[in-house]
Amino acid sequence: MALTKQKKNEIVAEISELLAGSKLTVVAQYQGTTVKAIQSLRKSAKENGTKISVVKNRLVIKALESTESLKDVDTSTLTGQLLYAFNDTDEVAPASSLANFAKTNPSIQFVGAITADGQFMSAEDVKSLASLPSKNELIAQVLATLTSPLNDVMNGLSGNLHALLDGIESKATA
């Protein structure tokens, strides 16, 4: 069923809003992926704040042209059956969601990504971005690094205290 002009304008407005608010919009081919698998992807991506949309490329190009900061994005690679992953809070989340899903569904292939400042990233850049840890994991790594000297000192002191107590106990029983 063909979309009416009004419905197309609504979709373009919605996509424009998503593009403008998204820190990173990842573009991927999904040809050969089942509807059930796409629904599973949407559900798993929603957990980290990523919205997955399957939209006609022509409508996405119109949305890019109507968004002031994204007018100059190279749209030459937006061909074929594509899905778009938007996230307004985390730059890595859309790429990692799709990369994790692609491990079990190899029909998902990265095409690239559109950054918030209107640059188009290559598929290789998106793959390397997807391998980065999430924001929360990075924070945990920094905290672990900062607390490791304190933990090492505490472990050293507690280890020596145990040895001292063992030595006193052995002398007391002898």
N, C-alpha and C. Protein backbone atom coordinates (compact mmCIF):
# COMPACT_ATOMS: atom_id res chain seq x y z
N MET A 1 0.84 -1.17 0.00
CA MET A 1 0.00 0.00 0.00
C MET A 1 0.89 1.24 0.00
N ALA A 2 0.61 2.13 -0.89
CA ALA A 2 1.40 3.36 -1.02
C ALA A 2 1.07 4.32 0.12
N LEU A 3 2.10 5.05 0.54
CA LEU A 3 1.91 6.04 1.59
C LEU A 3 1.36 7.32 0.99
N THR A 4 0.49 7.98 1.74
CA THR A 4 -0.02 9.26 1.28
C THR A 4 1.06 10.32 1.49
N LYS A 5 0.89 11.44 0.82
CA LYS A 5 1.87 12.52 0.94
C LYS A 5 1.94 13.03 2.38
N GLN A 6 0.80 13.08 3.05
CA GLN A 6 0.77 13.54 4.44
C GLN A 6 1.55 12.57 5.34
N LYS A 7 1.35 11.28 5.13
CA LYS A 7 2.05 10.27 5.94
C LYS A 7 3.55 10.33 5.69
N LYS A 8 3.94 10.55 4.42
CA LYS A 8 5.36 10.69 4.10
C LYS A 8 5.95 11.91 4.81
N ASN A 9 5.21 13.02 4.82
CA ASN A 9 5.69 14.23 5.50
C ASN A 9 5.83 14.00 7.00
N GLU A 10 4.91 13.23 7.58
CA GLU A 10 5.01 12.90 9.01
C GLU A 10 6.26 12.05 9.28
N ILE A 11 6.52 11.09 8.41
CA ILE A 11 7.70 10.23 8.57
C ILE A 11 8.98 11.06 8.43
N VAL A 12 9.02 11.96 7.44
CA VAL A 12 10.19 12.82 7.25
C VAL A 12 10.41 13.69 8.48
N ALA A 13 9.34 14.24 9.04
CA ALA A 13 9.46 15.08 10.24
C ALA A 13 9.98 14.26 11.42
N GLU A 14 9.47 13.03 11.58
CA GLU A 14 9.91 12.17 12.68
C GLU A 14 11.39 11.80 12.52
N ILE A 15 11.78 11.43 11.31
CA ILE A 15 13.18 11.06 11.06
C ILE A 15 14.09 12.27 11.22
N SER A 16 13.64 13.45 10.80
CA SER A 16 14.43 14.68 10.99
C SER A 16 14.69 14.92 12.46
N GLU A 17 13.66 14.72 13.27
CA GLU A 17 13.79 14.89 14.71
C GLU A 17 14.77 13.88 15.31
N LEU A 18 14.66 12.63 14.88
CA LEU A 18 15.57 11.59 15.36
C LEU A 18 17.02 11.88 14.95
N LEU A 19 17.20 12.29 13.70
CA LEU A 19 18.54 12.60 13.20
C LEU A 19 19.15 13.79 13.95
N ALA A 20 18.34 14.81 14.17
CA ALA A 20 18.85 16.01 14.85
C ALA A 20 19.22 15.72 16.30
N GLY A 21 18.48 14.84 16.96
CA GLY A 21 18.74 14.54 18.36
C GLY A 21 19.75 13.43 18.58
N SER A 22 20.04 12.66 17.57
CA SER A 22 20.92 11.51 17.72
C SER A 22 22.39 11.91 17.74
N LYS A 23 23.14 11.34 18.68
CA LYS A 23 24.59 11.57 18.72
C LYS A 23 25.28 10.81 17.61
N LEU A 24 24.74 9.65 17.26
CA LEU A 24 25.27 8.85 16.16
C LEU A 24 24.12 8.03 15.57
N THR A 25 23.99 8.08 14.26
CA THR A 25 23.00 7.30 13.55
C THR A 25 23.74 6.28 12.70
N VAL A 26 23.59 5.02 13.04
CA VAL A 26 24.29 3.94 12.32
C VAL A 26 23.37 3.42 11.23
N VAL A 27 23.95 3.21 10.05
CA VAL A 27 23.22 2.73 8.88
C VAL A 27 23.73 1.32 8.57
N ALA A 28 22.80 0.37 8.38
CA ALA A 28 23.20 -1.01 8.10
C ALA A 28 22.24 -1.64 7.10
N GLN A 29 22.79 -2.55 6.29
CA GLN A 29 21.96 -3.35 5.38
C GLN A 29 21.36 -4.50 6.16
N TYR A 30 20.13 -4.83 5.84
CA TYR A 30 19.47 -5.92 6.55
C TYR A 30 18.89 -6.96 5.61
N GLN A 31 19.24 -6.92 4.34
CA GLN A 31 18.68 -7.84 3.35
C GLN A 31 18.92 -9.28 3.78
N GLY A 32 17.87 -10.07 3.79
CA GLY A 32 17.97 -11.47 4.19
C GLY A 32 17.66 -11.70 5.66
N THR A 33 17.40 -10.64 6.42
CA THR A 33 17.07 -10.77 7.83
C THR A 33 15.56 -10.91 7.97
N THR A 34 15.12 -11.83 8.80
CA THR A 34 13.69 -12.05 8.97
C THR A 34 13.06 -10.95 9.80
N VAL A 35 11.76 -10.81 9.67
CA VAL A 35 11.02 -9.80 10.44
C VAL A 35 11.14 -10.10 11.93
N LYS A 36 11.10 -11.38 12.28
CA LYS A 36 11.23 -11.77 13.69
C LYS A 36 12.59 -11.36 14.25
N ALA A 37 13.63 -11.50 13.43
CA ALA A 37 14.97 -11.11 13.87
C ALA A 37 15.07 -9.59 14.03
N ILE A 38 14.45 -8.84 13.13
CA ILE A 38 14.44 -7.37 13.25
C ILE A 38 13.70 -6.95 14.52
N GLN A 39 12.60 -7.62 14.83
CA GLN A 39 11.87 -7.32 16.06
C GLN A 39 12.73 -7.62 17.29
N SER A 40 13.47 -8.70 17.23
CA SER A 40 14.38 -9.05 18.32
C SER A 40 15.47 -7.99 18.46
N LEU A 41 15.99 -7.52 17.33
CA LEU A 41 17.00 -6.46 17.34
C LEU A 41 16.43 -5.19 17.98
N ARG A 42 15.23 -4.81 17.59
CA ARG A 42 14.60 -3.61 18.16
C ARG A 42 14.46 -3.72 19.66
N LYS A 43 14.05 -4.90 20.13
CA LYS A 43 13.85 -5.11 21.57
C LYS A 43 15.19 -5.02 22.32
N SER A 44 16.22 -5.67 21.80
CA SER A 44 17.51 -5.64 22.49
C SER A 44 18.17 -4.27 22.42
N ALA A 45 17.98 -3.55 21.31
CA ALA A 45 18.56 -2.22 21.18
C ALA A 45 17.86 -1.21 22.07
N LYS A 46 16.58 -1.42 22.30
CA LYS A 46 15.81 -0.49 23.14
C LYS A 46 16.33 -0.45 24.57
N GLU A 47 16.94 -1.56 25.03
CA GLU A 47 17.47 -1.64 26.38
C GLU A 47 18.57 -0.60 26.64
N ASN A 48 19.33 -0.24 25.61
CA ASN A 48 20.38 0.77 25.81
C ASN A 48 20.02 2.12 25.19
N GLY A 49 18.73 2.32 24.92
CA GLY A 49 18.26 3.61 24.43
C GLY A 49 18.37 3.82 22.93
N THR A 50 18.59 2.76 22.18
CA THR A 50 18.73 2.86 20.73
C THR A 50 17.39 2.55 20.06
N LYS A 51 17.03 3.37 19.09
CA LYS A 51 15.79 3.16 18.32
C LYS A 51 16.18 2.70 16.93
N ILE A 52 15.62 1.57 16.51
CA ILE A 52 15.86 1.01 15.18
C ILE A 52 14.67 1.33 14.29
N SER A 53 14.95 1.88 13.11
CA SER A 53 13.88 2.20 12.15
C SER A 53 14.26 1.70 10.77
N VAL A 54 13.27 1.14 10.08
CA VAL A 54 13.42 0.77 8.69
C VAL A 54 12.58 1.77 7.91
N VAL A 55 13.27 2.62 7.15
CA VAL A 55 12.61 3.71 6.43
C VAL A 55 13.15 3.74 5.01
N LYS A 56 12.30 4.17 4.08
CA LYS A 56 12.77 4.31 2.71
C LYS A 56 13.90 5.33 2.67
N ASN A 57 14.93 5.01 1.90
CA ASN A 57 16.11 5.87 1.82
C ASN A 57 15.76 7.27 1.31
N ARG A 58 14.83 7.34 0.39
CA ARG A 58 14.42 8.62 -0.17
C ARG A 58 13.87 9.54 0.92
N LEU A 59 13.12 8.97 1.86
CA LEU A 59 12.57 9.76 2.96
C LEU A 59 13.66 10.20 3.93
N VAL A 60 14.65 9.33 4.15
CA VAL A 60 15.77 9.70 5.02
C VAL A 60 16.58 10.82 4.38
N ILE A 61 16.79 10.75 3.08
CA ILE A 61 17.53 11.81 2.37
C ILE A 61 16.78 13.13 2.48
N LYS A 62 15.45 13.10 2.34
CA LYS A 62 14.66 14.32 2.52
C LYS A 62 14.79 14.85 3.94
N ALA A 63 14.80 13.94 4.92
CA ALA A 63 14.94 14.35 6.32
C ALA A 63 16.31 14.97 6.56
N LEU A 64 17.34 14.40 5.96
CA LEU A 64 18.69 14.98 6.09
C LEU A 64 18.74 16.38 5.49
N GLU A 65 18.11 16.55 4.34
CA GLU A 65 18.12 17.84 3.67
C GLU A 65 17.33 18.88 4.46
N SER A 66 16.31 18.45 5.20
CA SER A 66 15.51 19.40 5.96
C SER A 66 16.10 19.71 7.33
N THR A 67 17.13 18.96 7.74
CA THR A 67 17.80 19.22 9.02
C THR A 67 19.01 20.10 8.75
N GLU A 68 19.02 21.27 9.37
CA GLU A 68 20.02 22.31 9.09
C GLU A 68 21.46 21.80 9.26
N SER A 69 21.76 21.12 10.35
CA SER A 69 23.13 20.70 10.62
C SER A 69 23.57 19.50 9.80
N LEU A 70 22.64 18.85 9.09
CA LEU A 70 22.97 17.63 8.36
C LEU A 70 22.77 17.76 6.85
N LYS A 71 22.64 18.97 6.35
CA LYS A 71 22.38 19.18 4.92
C LYS A 71 23.51 18.67 4.03
N ASP A 72 24.75 18.70 4.51
CA ASP A 72 25.90 18.38 3.69
C ASP A 72 26.36 16.93 3.81
N VAL A 73 25.56 16.07 4.40
CA VAL A 73 25.95 14.66 4.57
C VAL A 73 25.95 13.97 3.20
N ASP A 74 26.99 13.17 2.97
CA ASP A 74 27.10 12.40 1.72
C ASP A 74 26.07 11.26 1.77
N THR A 75 25.12 11.30 0.85
CA THR A 75 24.05 10.29 0.84
C THR A 75 24.23 9.27 -0.29
N SER A 76 25.39 9.24 -0.92
CA SER A 76 25.59 8.34 -2.06
C SER A 76 25.57 6.86 -1.66
N THR A 77 25.86 6.55 -0.40
CA THR A 77 25.88 5.14 0.03
C THR A 77 24.54 4.67 0.56
N LEU A 78 23.55 5.54 0.59
CA LEU A 78 22.23 5.16 1.11
C LEU A 78 21.40 4.52 0.00
N THR A 79 21.77 3.29 -0.34
CA THR A 79 21.05 2.54 -1.36
C THR A 79 20.79 1.13 -0.85
N GLY A 80 19.72 0.53 -1.34
CA GLY A 80 19.39 -0.83 -0.93
C GLY A 80 18.49 -0.84 0.29
N GLN A 81 18.33 -2.02 0.88
CA GLN A 81 17.49 -2.17 2.07
C GLN A 81 18.31 -1.82 3.29
N LEU A 82 18.00 -0.66 3.89
CA LEU A 82 18.78 -0.16 5.01
C LEU A 82 17.92 0.03 6.25
N LEU A 83 18.54 -0.17 7.40
CA LEU A 83 17.91 0.19 8.66
C LEU A 83 18.78 1.23 9.34
N TYR A 84 18.17 2.03 10.18
CA TYR A 84 18.84 3.15 10.83
C TYR A 84 18.71 2.99 12.34
N ALA A 85 19.82 3.12 13.05
CA ALA A 85 19.84 3.01 14.51
C ALA A 85 20.18 4.37 15.10
N PHE A 86 19.27 4.93 15.89
CA PHE A 86 19.43 6.26 16.47
C PHE A 86 19.62 6.14 17.98
N ASN A 87 20.48 6.99 18.54
CA ASN A 87 20.62 7.07 20.00
C ASN A 87 20.98 8.49 20.37
N ASP A 88 20.22 9.08 21.27
CA ASP A 88 20.45 10.47 21.64
C ASP A 88 21.28 10.65 22.89
N THR A 89 21.73 9.55 23.52
CA THR A 89 22.51 9.67 24.75
C THR A 89 23.92 9.08 24.66
N ASP A 90 24.12 8.11 23.78
CA ASP A 90 25.40 7.40 23.73
C ASP A 90 25.83 7.21 22.28
N GLU A 91 27.08 7.58 21.99
CA GLU A 91 27.59 7.47 20.62
C GLU A 91 27.90 6.03 20.23
N VAL A 92 28.27 5.22 21.18
CA VAL A 92 28.72 3.86 20.89
C VAL A 92 27.56 2.86 20.87
N ALA A 93 26.49 3.15 21.57
CA ALA A 93 25.39 2.20 21.75
C ALA A 93 24.78 1.68 20.45
N PRO A 94 24.47 2.54 19.45
CA PRO A 94 23.86 1.98 18.24
C PRO A 94 24.80 1.04 17.50
N ALA A 95 26.07 1.40 17.44
CA ALA A 95 27.04 0.56 16.74
C ALA A 95 27.23 -0.77 17.47
N SER A 96 27.33 -0.72 18.79
CA SER A 96 27.55 -1.97 19.53
C SER A 96 26.30 -2.85 19.51
N SER A 97 25.11 -2.24 19.53
CA SER A 97 23.87 -3.04 19.45
C SER A 97 23.82 -3.82 18.14
N LEU A 98 24.10 -3.13 17.05
CA LEU A 98 24.07 -3.79 15.74
C LEU A 98 25.20 -4.81 15.61
N ALA A 99 26.37 -4.50 16.14
CA ALA A 99 27.50 -5.43 16.06
C ALA A 99 27.22 -6.70 16.86
N ASN A 100 26.64 -6.55 18.04
CA ASN A 100 26.28 -7.73 18.85
C ASN A 100 25.23 -8.57 18.15
N PHE A 101 24.26 -7.92 17.54
CA PHE A 101 23.22 -8.65 16.82
C PHE A 101 23.78 -9.33 15.58
N ALA A 102 24.73 -8.67 14.91
CA ALA A 102 25.32 -9.23 13.69
C ALA A 102 26.15 -10.48 13.96
N LYS A 103 26.56 -10.68 15.21
CA LYS A 103 27.32 -11.90 15.53
C LYS A 103 26.46 -13.15 15.31
N THR A 104 25.17 -13.05 15.60
CA THR A 104 24.28 -14.19 15.42
C THR A 104 23.48 -14.10 14.12
N ASN A 105 23.45 -12.91 13.51
CA ASN A 105 22.72 -12.69 12.26
C ASN A 105 23.65 -12.00 11.26
N PRO A 106 24.45 -12.76 10.54
CA PRO A 106 25.45 -12.15 9.65
C PRO A 106 24.86 -11.40 8.46
N SER A 107 23.53 -11.42 8.31
CA SER A 107 22.93 -10.67 7.21
C SER A 107 22.94 -9.16 7.48
N ILE A 108 23.20 -8.77 8.72
CA ILE A 108 23.33 -7.34 9.06
C ILE A 108 24.75 -6.90 8.74
N GLN A 109 24.88 -5.92 7.84
CA GLN A 109 26.19 -5.40 7.42
C GLN A 109 26.20 -3.88 7.58
N PHE A 110 27.24 -3.35 8.23
CA PHE A 110 27.37 -1.90 8.39
C PHE A 110 27.58 -1.23 7.04
N VAL A 111 26.93 -0.09 6.85
CA VAL A 111 27.13 0.75 5.67
C VAL A 111 27.94 1.97 6.08
N GLY A 112 27.66 2.48 7.27
CA GLY A 112 28.35 3.66 7.78
C GLY A 112 27.55 4.26 8.91
N ALA A 113 27.84 5.53 9.22
CA ALA A 113 27.12 6.22 10.28
C ALA A 113 27.16 7.72 10.02
N ILE A 114 26.15 8.39 10.54
CA ILE A 114 26.05 9.84 10.44
C ILE A 114 26.26 10.40 11.83
N THR A 115 27.27 11.25 11.99
CA THR A 115 27.56 11.83 13.29
C THR A 115 26.66 13.04 13.53
N ALA A 116 26.65 13.52 14.75
CA ALA A 116 25.81 14.67 15.12
C ALA A 116 26.24 15.94 14.39
N ASP A 117 27.52 16.02 14.03
CA ASP A 117 27.99 17.22 13.34
C ASP A 117 27.95 17.10 11.82
N GLY A 118 27.29 16.07 11.29
CA GLY A 118 27.06 15.96 9.86
C GLY A 118 28.14 15.26 9.06
N GLN A 119 28.99 14.49 9.69
CA GLN A 119 30.02 13.73 8.98
C GLN A 119 29.51 12.31 8.74
N PHE A 120 29.92 11.72 7.62
CA PHE A 120 29.55 10.33 7.34
C PHE A 120 30.76 9.45 7.60
N MET A 121 30.61 8.52 8.54
CA MET A 121 31.70 7.60 8.89
C MET A 121 31.61 6.35 8.03
N SER A 122 32.76 5.77 7.72
CA SER A 122 32.79 4.55 6.92
C SER A 122 32.39 3.34 7.77
N ALA A 123 32.12 2.23 7.10
CA ALA A 123 31.73 1.00 7.79
C ALA A 123 32.86 0.50 8.70
N GLU A 124 34.11 0.66 8.26
CA GLU A 124 35.25 0.22 9.08
C GLU A 124 35.34 1.05 10.37
N ASP A 125 35.08 2.35 10.27
CA ASP A 125 35.09 3.21 11.45
C ASP A 125 34.00 2.80 12.43
N VAL A 126 32.84 2.44 11.90
CA VAL A 126 31.73 2.03 12.75
C VAL A 126 32.07 0.71 13.44
N LYS A 127 32.70 -0.22 12.72
CA LYS A 127 33.09 -1.50 13.32
C LYS A 127 34.07 -1.28 14.46
N SER A 128 35.06 -0.40 14.26
CA SER A 128 36.02 -0.14 15.34
C SER A 128 35.35 0.58 16.50
N LEU A 129 34.40 1.45 16.22
CA LEU A 129 33.65 2.12 17.28
C LEU A 129 32.82 1.12 18.07
N ALA A 130 32.26 0.14 17.39
CA ALA A 130 31.42 -0.87 18.04
C ALA A 130 32.23 -1.74 19.01
N SER A 131 33.52 -1.85 18.78
CA SER A 131 34.35 -2.68 19.66
C SER A 131 34.75 -1.95 20.94
N LEU A 132 34.48 -0.65 21.02
CA LEU A 132 34.80 0.10 22.24
C LEU A 132 33.86 -0.29 23.37
N PRO A 133 34.35 -0.22 24.60
CA PRO A 133 33.44 -0.49 25.72
C PRO A 133 32.42 0.65 25.87
N SER A 134 31.32 0.35 26.54
CA SER A 134 30.28 1.37 26.74
C SER A 134 30.76 2.42 27.73
N LYS A 135 30.00 3.48 27.85
CA LYS A 135 30.34 4.58 28.76
C LYS A 135 30.45 4.08 30.20
N ASN A 136 29.50 3.26 30.64
CA ASN A 136 29.52 2.74 32.00
C ASN A 136 30.73 1.82 32.23
N GLU A 137 31.09 1.03 31.22
CA GLU A 137 32.26 0.16 31.35
C GLU A 137 33.54 0.99 31.45
N LEU A 138 33.62 2.07 30.68
CA LEU A 138 34.80 2.94 30.76
C LEU A 138 34.92 3.60 32.12
N ILE A 139 33.80 4.04 32.67
CA ILE A 139 33.81 4.65 34.01
C ILE A 139 34.28 3.63 35.04
N ALA A 140 33.78 2.39 34.93
CA ALA A 140 34.20 1.34 35.86
C ALA A 140 35.69 1.04 35.73
N GLN A 141 36.22 1.05 34.50
CA GLN A 141 37.65 0.80 34.31
C GLN A 141 38.49 1.91 34.94
N VAL A 142 38.07 3.16 34.79
CA VAL A 142 38.80 4.28 35.39
C VAL A 142 38.77 4.18 36.91
N LEU A 143 37.60 3.87 37.47
CA LEU A 143 37.51 3.72 38.93
C LEU A 143 38.38 2.57 39.43
N ALA A 144 38.39 1.47 38.70
CA ALA A 144 39.23 0.33 39.10
C ALA A 144 40.71 0.71 39.05
N THR A 145 41.10 1.49 38.05
CA THR A 145 42.49 1.94 37.93
C THR A 145 42.86 2.87 39.08
N LEU A 146 41.93 3.75 39.43
CA LEU A 146 42.21 4.70 40.51
C LEU A 146 42.27 4.02 41.87
N THR A 147 41.47 2.99 42.09
CA THR A 147 41.45 2.32 43.39
C THR A 147 42.44 1.17 43.50
N SER A 148 43.08 0.79 42.41
CA SER A 148 43.97 -0.37 42.48
C SER A 148 45.18 -0.15 43.40
N PRO A 149 45.83 1.03 43.45
CA PRO A 149 46.93 1.18 44.42
C PRO A 149 46.47 1.01 45.86
N LEU A 150 45.30 1.55 46.18
CA LEU A 150 44.76 1.41 47.53
C LEU A 150 44.47 -0.06 47.83
N ASN A 151 43.88 -0.76 46.88
CA ASN A 151 43.60 -2.19 47.07
C ASN A 151 44.89 -2.98 47.23
N ASP A 152 45.92 -2.63 46.47
CA ASP A 152 47.20 -3.34 46.57
C ASP A 152 47.82 -3.14 47.96
N VAL A 153 47.77 -1.93 48.48
CA VAL A 153 48.32 -1.64 49.81
C VAL A 153 47.53 -2.42 50.86
N MET A 154 46.20 -2.39 50.76
CA MET A 154 45.38 -3.12 51.74
C MET A 154 45.65 -4.62 51.68
N ASN A 155 45.80 -5.16 50.49
CA ASN A 155 46.09 -6.59 50.36
C ASN A 155 47.46 -6.92 50.93
N GLY A 156 48.43 -6.04 50.69
CA GLY A 156 49.77 -6.25 51.23
C GLY A 156 49.78 -6.22 52.75
N LEU A 157 49.08 -5.26 53.32
CA LEU A 157 49.02 -5.17 54.78
C LEU A 157 48.27 -6.35 55.38
N SER A 158 47.16 -6.73 54.80
CA SER A 158 46.40 -7.85 55.35
C SER A 158 47.16 -9.16 55.19
N GLY A 159 47.90 -9.30 54.11
CA GLY A 159 48.70 -10.50 53.92
C GLY A 159 49.79 -10.61 54.98
N ASN A 160 50.47 -9.52 55.28
CA ASN A 160 51.52 -9.53 56.30
C ASN A 160 50.92 -9.74 57.69
N LEU A 161 49.77 -9.19 57.98
CA LEU A 161 49.13 -9.41 59.28
C LEU A 161 48.78 -10.87 59.47
N HIS A 162 48.29 -11.51 58.43
CA HIS A 162 47.98 -12.94 58.54
C HIS A 162 49.24 -13.75 58.79
N ALA A 163 50.31 -13.41 58.10
CA ALA A 163 51.58 -14.13 58.30
C ALA A 163 52.10 -13.88 59.72
N LEU A 164 51.97 -12.65 60.21
CA LEU A 164 52.41 -12.33 61.57
C LEU A 164 51.60 -13.12 62.59
N LEU A 165 50.28 -13.15 62.41
CA LEU A 165 49.42 -13.91 63.34
C LEU A 165 49.73 -15.40 63.27
N ASP A 166 50.01 -15.91 62.10
CA ASP A 166 50.38 -17.32 61.96
C ASP A 166 51.69 -17.60 62.68
N GLY A 167 52.63 -16.68 62.57
CA GLY A 167 53.93 -16.85 63.25
C GLY A 167 53.78 -16.82 64.76
N ILE A 168 52.98 -15.91 65.26
CA ILE A 168 52.75 -15.81 66.72
C ILE A 168 52.04 -17.07 67.20
N GLU A 169 51.07 -17.54 66.44
CA GLU A 169 50.35 -18.76 66.82
C GLU A 169 51.27 -19.96 66.86
N SER A 170 52.18 -20.06 65.90
CA SER A 170 53.10 -21.20 65.88
C SER A 170 54.09 -21.14 67.04
N LYS A 171 54.50 -19.95 67.44
CA LYS A 171 55.42 -19.80 68.59
C LYS A 171 54.68 -20.11 69.89
N ALA A 172 53.39 -19.71 69.94
CA ALA A 172 52.62 -19.94 71.17
C ALA A 172 52.35 -21.42 71.39
N THR A 173 52.19 -22.17 70.36
CA THR A 173 51.91 -23.59 70.49
C THR A 173 53.19 -24.41 70.66
N ALA A 174 54.34 -23.82 70.36
CA ALA A 174 55.59 -24.58 70.44
C ALA A 174 56.19 -24.60 71.81
